C-alpha cells in the first residue's frame, strides 16, 4: 500500500484529490491536524514519509515543498505552475506521446498540466509534431471555463446570494495577455510564439471548452479532413478520445464533459476556416483527474482507478 500526502489539501484541487483517494484500498493518506498543516517542519516530515506527494499550492510554496525532499524515493506530483516547463520534470499528459508516458512512468517529479493549457496542447502538439503547422505559427486560443477554476475566493463570489450582478454574464479575463498558462502552452508545443489567449469564466461550477481556430492557409500540409484523421489515429484511448461531433445540434456547451476525467477532441468549421475543439472538465482532466491519472501511472495502478470516464 502506498502512502500519499496532499500538501495543500484545503484548496479546490487538493480537496478533489482527497475525495478521490479516500475510498481507495491501495493507498493510505497521511494527514496533518489543521493547526500544523502550514507548519514547515510538520510538512517536511509528512513529505519524506510518503511514497507520493501531491502539491496543491501556490508556485513559491510548491518550490519550497520540493526543497524539503530528502527521501529519494518520494514521487512529487505538482499541480502548480512552478515546474511545468522544466526539462527535468515530466509533463503530466501521457496521451501526447510515448515519450511523455515513459517519462511519467520513470520520473519522481511530475508536473500536472494547467487546465486551459491541457486543451490547447492536446490540439496543437500533434499538428507541430506531424508538420501540419510550423513552429513559428501565429495562433489564437479561446477558452470557456467554470468558476471553480478560480479557486475558493472565486467560488465564494459566484455562490454568494448577494453577488455582483456582473457575474451573471460570462467574463473575459487575462486581458493583458500575461496568463500563467501561456509559457506552458508555448514550451510544450515547441512554438516560437505564445498564442493570443482569450479565457472566459462563466456562471457554472466546472467544465471547459477550448477552441483553437486556424485558417487552412496556415497549414503546411493537409486540411480539415487530414487533421480529423490525425486526431482519430492519435487519440484512441479512454482519457483523450477523438469524436466526430462534440456539439449538440451545432451548440457546444462548457458542461459537455463536466464531472468527468477524460477529454474529447473534435474538429469543426470548413475547408477554409477550421475549428479545433477540446471539451473536458477543468477539475477533471484539467486538474485533479490528471493528477490522479499521473499517480496511477507512477505507482503501477490501473490507469483509470478512482476516475470517471
Protein backbone atom coordinates (compact mmCIF):
# COMPACT_ATOMS: atom_id res chain seq x y z
CA UNK A 1 0.00 0.00 0.00
CA UNK A 2 1.35 3.40 -1.00
CA UNK A 3 1.42 6.29 1.43
CA UNK A 4 0.12 9.57 -0.02
CA UNK A 5 0.36 13.11 1.34
CA UNK A 6 -1.53 16.10 -0.11
CA UNK A 7 0.27 19.35 0.68
CA UNK A 8 -2.41 21.98 0.24
CA UNK A 9 -5.40 19.72 0.79
CA UNK A 10 -7.67 22.64 1.74
CA UNK A 11 -7.67 24.13 -1.77
CA UNK A 12 -10.06 23.22 -4.59
CA UNK A 13 -7.69 20.80 -6.36
CA UNK A 14 -6.43 19.33 -3.09
CA UNK A 15 -9.94 18.67 -1.85
CA UNK A 16 -10.89 16.90 -5.08
CA UNK A 17 -7.78 14.73 -4.91
CA UNK A 18 -8.59 13.95 -1.26
CA UNK A 19 -12.15 12.94 -2.18
CA UNK A 20 -10.91 10.62 -4.93
CA UNK A 21 -8.31 8.91 -2.75
CA UNK A 22 -10.26 8.32 0.47
CA UNK A 23 -12.29 5.46 -0.99
CA UNK A 24 -9.30 3.61 -2.43
CA UNK A 25 -7.92 0.41 -0.93
CA UNK A 26 -4.42 0.71 -2.41
CA UNK A 27 -3.30 3.98 -0.79
CA UNK A 28 -3.03 5.29 2.75
CA UNK A 29 -3.43 9.03 3.32
CA UNK A 30 -1.03 10.91 5.55
CA UNK A 31 -2.87 13.87 7.09
CA UNK A 32 -1.87 16.74 9.34
CA UNK A 33 -4.03 18.39 12.00
CA UNK A 34 -5.32 21.81 10.96
CA UNK A 35 -3.12 23.57 13.48
CA UNK A 36 0.10 22.33 11.83
CA UNK A 37 -0.90 21.86 8.19
CA UNK A 38 1.12 25.01 7.29
CA UNK A 39 4.00 24.26 9.65
CA UNK A 40 7.19 23.72 7.66
CA UNK A 41 8.65 21.00 9.88
CA UNK A 42 5.38 19.05 10.02
CA UNK A 43 5.03 19.26 6.24
CA UNK A 44 8.64 18.20 5.76
CA UNK A 45 8.16 15.09 7.90
CA UNK A 46 4.97 14.18 6.05
CA UNK A 47 6.58 14.70 2.63
CA UNK A 48 9.54 12.46 3.42
CA UNK A 49 7.39 9.70 4.93
CA UNK A 50 5.21 9.42 1.82
CA UNK A 51 5.57 7.45 -1.40
CA UNK A 52 3.60 10.05 -3.38
CA UNK A 53 3.12 13.74 -2.55
CA UNK A 54 0.60 15.98 -4.31
CA UNK A 55 1.46 19.67 -4.20
CA UNK A 56 -1.69 21.81 -4.43
CA UNK A 57 -0.02 25.07 -3.52
CA UNK A 58 0.97 28.47 -4.93
CA UNK A 59 4.14 28.36 -7.03
CA UNK A 60 6.59 29.58 -4.38
CA UNK A 61 5.16 27.21 -1.77
CA UNK A 62 5.50 24.33 -4.23
CA UNK A 63 9.16 25.15 -4.81
CA UNK A 64 9.66 25.27 -1.06
CA UNK A 65 7.97 21.89 -0.63
CA UNK A 66 10.27 20.34 -3.24
CA UNK A 67 13.27 21.69 -1.33
CA UNK A 68 12.06 19.72 1.72
CA UNK A 69 12.53 16.37 -0.06
CA UNK A 70 15.30 14.25 1.43
CA UNK A 71 13.85 10.81 0.65
CA UNK A 72 14.92 9.95 -2.90
CA UNK A 73 12.01 7.53 -3.27
CA UNK A 74 9.32 10.21 -2.92
CA UNK A 75 7.35 10.95 -6.10
CA UNK A 76 6.22 14.59 -6.30
CA UNK A 77 3.14 15.42 -8.38
CA UNK A 78 2.89 19.20 -8.58
CA UNK A 79 -0.40 20.86 -9.57
CA UNK A 80 1.07 24.38 -9.56
CA UNK A 81 2.65 26.29 -12.44
CA UNK A 82 6.11 26.17 -10.88
CA UNK A 83 7.67 23.18 -12.67
CA UNK A 84 5.70 22.62 -15.88
CA UNK A 85 8.36 23.79 -18.31
CA UNK A 86 11.44 22.42 -16.54
CA UNK A 87 13.23 19.71 -18.56
CA UNK A 88 13.94 17.51 -15.55
CA UNK A 89 10.23 17.29 -14.70
CA UNK A 90 7.81 15.00 -16.53
CA UNK A 91 4.88 16.83 -18.11
CA UNK A 92 1.80 15.00 -16.87
CA UNK A 93 -0.06 14.46 -20.14
CA UNK A 94 0.78 10.87 -21.17
CA UNK A 95 -1.52 10.91 -24.21
CA UNK A 96 0.72 13.39 -26.02
CA UNK A 97 3.33 10.80 -26.93
CA UNK A 98 5.02 7.59 -25.84
CA UNK A 99 7.92 9.73 -24.70
CA UNK A 100 5.67 11.68 -22.32
CA UNK A 101 4.16 8.50 -20.92
CA UNK A 102 7.54 6.85 -20.37
CA UNK A 103 8.90 9.92 -18.59
CA UNK A 104 5.92 9.94 -16.23
CA UNK A 105 6.44 6.24 -15.55
CA UNK A 106 10.12 6.65 -14.68
CA UNK A 107 10.15 10.10 -13.07
CA UNK A 108 9.97 11.14 -9.42
CA UNK A 109 8.98 14.66 -10.46
CA UNK A 110 5.72 15.13 -12.38
CA UNK A 111 4.06 18.46 -13.24
CA UNK A 112 0.29 18.41 -13.74
CA UNK A 113 -0.78 20.44 -16.82
CA UNK A 114 -2.76 23.64 -16.45
CA UNK A 115 -6.48 23.45 -17.20
CA UNK A 116 -6.57 25.82 -20.20
CA UNK A 117 -3.19 24.60 -21.41
CA UNK A 118 -4.36 20.97 -21.48
CA UNK A 119 -6.89 21.61 -24.24
CA UNK A 120 -4.63 23.89 -26.28
CA UNK A 121 -1.70 21.48 -26.12
CA UNK A 122 -3.84 18.43 -26.92
CA UNK A 123 -4.97 20.21 -30.09
CA UNK A 124 -1.76 21.90 -31.22
CA UNK A 125 1.01 19.48 -30.20
CA UNK A 126 0.06 16.84 -32.81
CA UNK A 127 -0.02 19.48 -35.57
CA UNK A 128 3.50 20.64 -34.75
CA UNK A 129 4.74 17.09 -34.18
CA UNK A 130 3.50 15.95 -37.59
CA UNK A 131 4.45 19.02 -39.63
CA UNK A 132 0.95 20.41 -40.19
CA UNK A 133 2.00 23.70 -38.62
CA UNK A 134 5.35 25.43 -38.42
CA UNK A 135 6.79 26.24 -35.02
CA UNK A 136 6.52 29.95 -35.82
CA UNK A 137 2.73 29.71 -36.38
CA UNK A 138 0.67 32.61 -35.02
CA UNK A 139 -2.29 31.10 -33.18
CA UNK A 140 -5.30 32.16 -31.15
CA UNK A 141 -6.98 30.23 -28.35
CA UNK A 142 -10.47 30.80 -26.93
CA UNK A 143 -11.43 29.07 -23.68
CA UNK A 144 -14.60 28.97 -21.58
CA UNK A 145 -14.35 27.61 -18.04
CA UNK A 146 -16.47 27.12 -14.95
CA UNK A 147 -15.80 29.39 -12.00
CA UNK A 148 -14.26 26.66 -9.83
CA UNK A 149 -11.04 27.23 -11.77
CA UNK A 150 -10.63 30.48 -9.85
CA UNK A 151 -10.31 28.70 -6.51
CA UNK A 152 -12.05 29.26 -3.20
CA UNK A 153 -12.27 33.05 -3.49
CA UNK A 154 -13.97 32.99 -6.89
CA UNK A 155 -16.25 30.12 -5.88
CA UNK A 156 -17.39 32.17 -2.88
CA UNK A 157 -18.03 35.19 -5.10
CA UNK A 158 -20.19 33.23 -7.54
CA UNK A 159 -22.10 31.38 -4.84
CA UNK A 160 -22.81 34.48 -2.71
CA UNK A 161 -26.56 35.18 -2.73
CA UNK A 162 -25.74 38.91 -2.81
CA UNK A 163 -23.17 38.62 -5.54
CA UNK A 164 -22.26 41.28 -8.09
CA UNK A 165 -24.83 41.19 -10.95
CA UNK A 166 -21.98 41.31 -13.47
CA UNK A 167 -21.24 37.69 -12.57
CA UNK A 168 -24.49 36.68 -14.27
CA UNK A 169 -22.79 37.03 -17.65
CA UNK A 170 -19.57 35.43 -18.98
CA UNK A 171 -16.44 37.46 -18.17
CA UNK A 172 -13.27 37.53 -20.23
CA UNK A 173 -10.04 37.89 -18.25
CA UNK A 174 -6.23 37.94 -18.63
CA UNK A 175 -6.75 40.91 -20.92
CA UNK A 176 -3.10 41.88 -20.69
CA UNK A 177 -2.07 38.63 -22.43
CA UNK A 178 0.03 37.56 -19.44
CA UNK A 179 -1.89 34.45 -18.36
CA UNK A 180 0.27 31.99 -16.41
CA UNK A 181 -0.52 29.12 -18.80
CA UNK A 182 0.99 30.87 -21.84
CA UNK A 183 4.55 29.84 -21.04
CA UNK A 184 3.49 26.21 -20.81
CA UNK A 185 1.36 26.33 -23.97
CA UNK A 186 4.31 27.69 -25.93
CA UNK A 187 7.02 25.46 -24.45
CA UNK A 188 5.29 22.08 -24.52
CA UNK A 189 4.10 22.53 -28.12
CA UNK A 190 7.52 23.81 -29.19
CA UNK A 191 6.06 27.06 -30.51
CA UNK A 192 8.20 30.11 -31.10
CA UNK A 193 5.30 32.45 -30.29
CA UNK A 194 2.75 32.30 -27.49
CA UNK A 195 -0.84 32.32 -28.79
CA UNK A 196 -3.27 35.17 -28.35
CA UNK A 197 -5.25 33.72 -25.46
CA UNK A 198 -8.84 34.69 -24.60
CA UNK A 199 -10.07 32.85 -21.48
CA UNK A 200 -13.65 33.40 -20.28
CA UNK A 201 -15.12 32.43 -16.91
CA UNK A 202 -18.84 31.76 -16.80
CA UNK A 203 -21.62 31.05 -14.31
CA UNK A 204 -21.30 27.27 -13.94
CA UNK A 205 -19.20 25.33 -11.44
CA UNK A 206 -16.96 23.18 -13.60
CA UNK A 207 -16.46 22.25 -17.23
CA UNK A 208 -14.36 23.63 -20.05
CA UNK A 209 -14.29 24.12 -23.80
CA UNK A 210 -11.11 25.18 -25.59
CA UNK A 211 -11.14 26.29 -29.23
CA UNK A 212 -8.15 26.93 -31.48
CA UNK A 213 -9.21 28.48 -34.81
CA UNK A 214 -6.88 28.24 -37.77
CA UNK A 215 -7.00 29.21 -41.43
CA UNK A 216 -6.36 26.34 -43.81
CA UNK A 217 -3.80 28.63 -45.45
CA UNK A 218 -1.69 28.39 -42.26
CA UNK A 219 -1.25 24.65 -42.70
CA UNK A 220 1.96 23.37 -44.26
CA UNK A 221 0.11 20.27 -45.44
CA UNK A 222 -3.33 18.71 -45.31
CA UNK A 223 -6.64 20.28 -44.41
CA UNK A 224 -9.74 19.70 -42.32
CA UNK A 225 -10.12 16.01 -43.16
CA UNK A 226 -6.44 15.29 -42.68
CA UNK A 227 -6.50 16.88 -39.22
CA UNK A 228 -9.50 14.75 -38.31
CA UNK A 229 -7.61 11.65 -39.46
CA UNK A 230 -4.55 12.69 -37.43
CA UNK A 231 -6.54 13.11 -34.22
CA UNK A 232 -8.51 9.94 -34.87
CA UNK A 233 -5.28 7.94 -35.13
CA UNK A 234 -3.58 9.63 -32.17
CA UNK A 235 -6.36 9.86 -29.61
CA UNK A 236 -7.89 6.41 -29.31
CA UNK A 237 -7.77 5.86 -25.55
CA UNK A 238 -10.38 6.39 -22.88
CA UNK A 239 -8.77 9.51 -21.42
CA UNK A 240 -8.39 11.54 -24.59
CA UNK A 241 -10.64 10.48 -27.42
CA UNK A 242 -11.38 11.85 -30.88
CA UNK A 243 -15.09 12.13 -31.67
CA UNK A 244 -16.75 13.20 -34.89
CA UNK A 245 -19.11 15.59 -33.11
CA UNK A 246 -18.75 17.06 -29.64
CA UNK A 247 -21.64 19.53 -30.04
CA UNK A 248 -25.39 19.19 -29.59
CA UNK A 249 -27.25 20.49 -32.64
CA UNK A 250 -24.47 22.89 -33.53
CA UNK A 251 -24.06 24.19 -29.95
CA UNK A 252 -21.09 23.29 -27.75
CA UNK A 253 -21.68 23.60 -24.01
CA UNK A 254 -18.97 24.14 -21.43
CA UNK A 255 -20.79 21.49 -19.40
CA UNK A 256 -20.48 18.79 -22.08
CA UNK A 257 -17.83 16.81 -20.14
CA UNK A 258 -18.42 18.17 -16.63
CA UNK A 259 -17.75 15.79 -13.73
CA UNK A 260 -15.67 13.51 -15.94
CA UNK A 261 -11.92 12.93 -16.11
CA UNK A 262 -11.48 12.49 -19.84
CA UNK A 263 -11.24 14.84 -22.79
CA UNK A 264 -13.00 14.79 -26.14
CA UNK A 265 -11.30 16.17 -29.23
CA UNK A 266 -13.21 17.26 -32.33
CA UNK A 267 -12.81 19.32 -35.49
CA UNK A 268 -15.41 21.66 -36.99
CA UNK A 269 -15.54 24.51 -39.50
CA UNK A 270 -14.88 24.14 -43.21
CA UNK A 271 -12.04 23.81 -45.69
CA UNK A 272 -11.10 27.48 -45.29
CA UNK A 273 -11.61 28.14 -41.56
CA UNK A 274 -11.07 25.24 -39.17
CA UNK A 275 -12.04 24.98 -35.50
CA UNK A 276 -10.06 22.63 -33.28
CA UNK A 277 -12.13 21.74 -30.20
CA UNK A 278 -11.37 20.20 -26.81
CA UNK A 279 -14.12 19.53 -24.26
CA UNK A 280 -13.37 18.41 -20.69
CA UNK A 281 -13.73 19.37 -17.02
CA UNK A 282 -11.36 21.98 -15.60
CA UNK A 283 -11.31 19.99 -12.33
CA UNK A 284 -11.04 16.63 -14.12
CA UNK A 285 -8.56 16.23 -16.97
CA UNK A 286 -7.76 19.88 -16.32
CA UNK A 287 -6.58 19.38 -12.71
CA UNK A 288 -7.25 16.69 -10.08
CA UNK A 289 -8.26 13.98 -12.55
CA UNK A 290 -4.99 14.45 -14.43
CA UNK A 291 -3.08 14.36 -11.13
CA UNK A 292 -4.68 11.05 -10.12
CA UNK A 293 -4.01 9.59 -13.58
CA UNK A 294 -0.33 10.50 -13.17
CA UNK A 295 -0.24 8.89 -9.73
CA UNK A 296 -1.81 5.72 -11.10
CA UNK A 297 0.89 5.51 -13.75
CA UNK A 298 3.65 6.26 -11.25
CA UNK A 299 2.58 3.56 -8.75
CA UNK A 300 1.60 0.97 -11.34
CA UNK A 301 -2.13 1.05 -10.60
CA UNK A 302 -4.86 0.73 -13.20
CA UNK A 303 -4.80 3.95 -15.22
CA UNK A 304 -8.44 4.77 -14.59
CA UNK A 305 -8.60 3.74 -10.91
CA UNK A 306 -10.60 6.31 -8.93
CA UNK A 307 -11.59 8.23 -12.06
CA UNK A 308 -14.77 8.77 -14.06
CA UNK A 309 -14.52 8.43 -17.84
